Protein backbone atom coordinates (compact mmCIF):
# COMPACT_ATOMS: atom_id res chain seq x y z
CA MET A 1 -7.29 -131.43 -91.89
CA TYR A 2 -7.23 -129.37 -88.64
CA GLY A 3 -10.93 -129.52 -88.63
CA ALA A 4 -10.79 -133.54 -88.67
CA PHE A 5 -8.14 -133.46 -85.85
CA ALA A 6 -10.28 -130.65 -83.73
CA ARG A 7 -13.17 -132.89 -83.61
CA HIS A 8 -11.60 -135.17 -81.04
CA LEU A 9 -10.81 -132.31 -78.86
CA ASP A 10 -12.65 -130.64 -76.11
CA PRO A 11 -13.98 -127.24 -76.96
CA GLU A 12 -11.16 -125.24 -75.22
CA ALA A 13 -8.23 -127.40 -76.53
CA ALA A 14 -9.89 -127.07 -80.01
CA GLU A 15 -10.12 -123.13 -79.56
CA VAL A 16 -6.15 -122.97 -78.56
CA GLY A 17 -5.27 -125.17 -81.47
CA GLY A 18 -7.06 -122.94 -83.82
CA ALA A 19 -5.48 -119.97 -82.93
CA TYR A 20 -2.57 -120.74 -85.43
CA TRP A 21 -4.93 -120.27 -88.18
CA ALA A 22 -7.21 -117.75 -86.84
CA LEU A 23 -6.03 -115.26 -89.44
CA GLY A 24 -5.68 -117.13 -92.49
CA ASP A 25 -8.45 -115.10 -93.93
CA LEU A 26 -6.40 -112.50 -96.09
CA GLU A 27 -9.69 -110.40 -96.46
CA LEU A 28 -10.21 -110.22 -92.67
CA LEU A 29 -6.55 -109.48 -91.99
CA GLY A 30 -6.67 -106.66 -94.56
CA SER A 31 -9.72 -105.22 -93.02
CA LEU A 32 -8.19 -105.47 -89.58
CA PHE A 33 -5.00 -103.24 -90.63
CA GLU A 34 -7.25 -100.95 -92.78
CA ALA A 35 -9.50 -100.18 -89.44
CA ALA A 36 -6.35 -99.51 -87.30
CA GLY A 37 -5.35 -96.95 -89.91
CA LEU A 38 -2.25 -98.93 -91.09
CA GLU A 39 -1.03 -99.23 -94.65
CA ALA A 40 1.26 -102.02 -96.03
CA ALA A 41 2.17 -100.31 -99.47
CA GLY A 42 6.16 -101.05 -100.13
CA ALA A 43 6.56 -102.83 -96.84
CA ARG A 44 4.33 -105.54 -98.38
CA ARG A 45 6.37 -105.94 -101.33
CA ARG A 46 9.61 -106.11 -99.48
CA LEU A 47 7.89 -108.48 -96.78
CA VAL A 48 6.70 -110.73 -99.78
CA ASP A 49 10.11 -110.41 -101.43
CA ALA A 50 11.86 -111.39 -98.15
CA GLY A 51 9.56 -114.29 -97.55
CA VAL A 52 10.30 -115.60 -101.15
CA GLN A 53 14.00 -115.39 -100.45
CA ALA A 54 13.89 -117.34 -97.10
CA MET A 55 11.68 -120.15 -98.29
CA ALA A 56 13.55 -120.60 -101.42
CA ARG A 57 15.87 -123.44 -99.86
CA PHE A 58 12.69 -125.43 -99.32
CA VAL A 59 11.28 -125.33 -103.05
CA VAL A 60 11.43 -128.62 -104.76
CA ASP A 61 10.60 -129.73 -108.31
CA GLY A 62 7.54 -128.46 -109.65
CA GLY A 63 7.48 -125.60 -107.23
CA ARG A 64 6.15 -127.15 -104.19
CA VAL A 65 7.43 -125.97 -100.56
CA GLU A 66 8.41 -128.86 -98.52
CA LEU A 67 9.14 -127.50 -94.81
CA PRO A 68 10.97 -129.55 -92.22
CA ILE A 69 8.51 -129.43 -89.53
CA GLY A 70 8.25 -132.09 -87.07
CA GLY A 71 5.77 -132.86 -84.22
CA HIS A 72 4.96 -135.39 -81.68
CA LEU A 73 1.50 -137.21 -81.12
CA VAL A 74 0.57 -137.93 -77.54
CA THR A 75 -2.02 -140.21 -76.54
CA ALA A 76 -3.33 -140.92 -73.01
CA VAL A 77 -6.26 -142.46 -71.10
CA ALA A 78 -7.10 -141.34 -67.76
CA PRO A 79 -6.31 -144.29 -65.18
CA GLY A 80 -9.17 -146.32 -63.97
């Protein structure tokens, strides 16, 4: 979906918008932690458990998560 949106942005704006999803690749993210000498171990389990607990109120029938995220879409054209 973001790709469809980003095609309508100039390259700099698309790059900034894509920063939110830049580390969506779990293998890449894990390799960065390993390269830095960091280990998740028990901390990972505690983090996952905390995330599940925090998201529980957003789980709907069927197990889907529906987040109350809103936004604004602004469009404009240059005068002239």
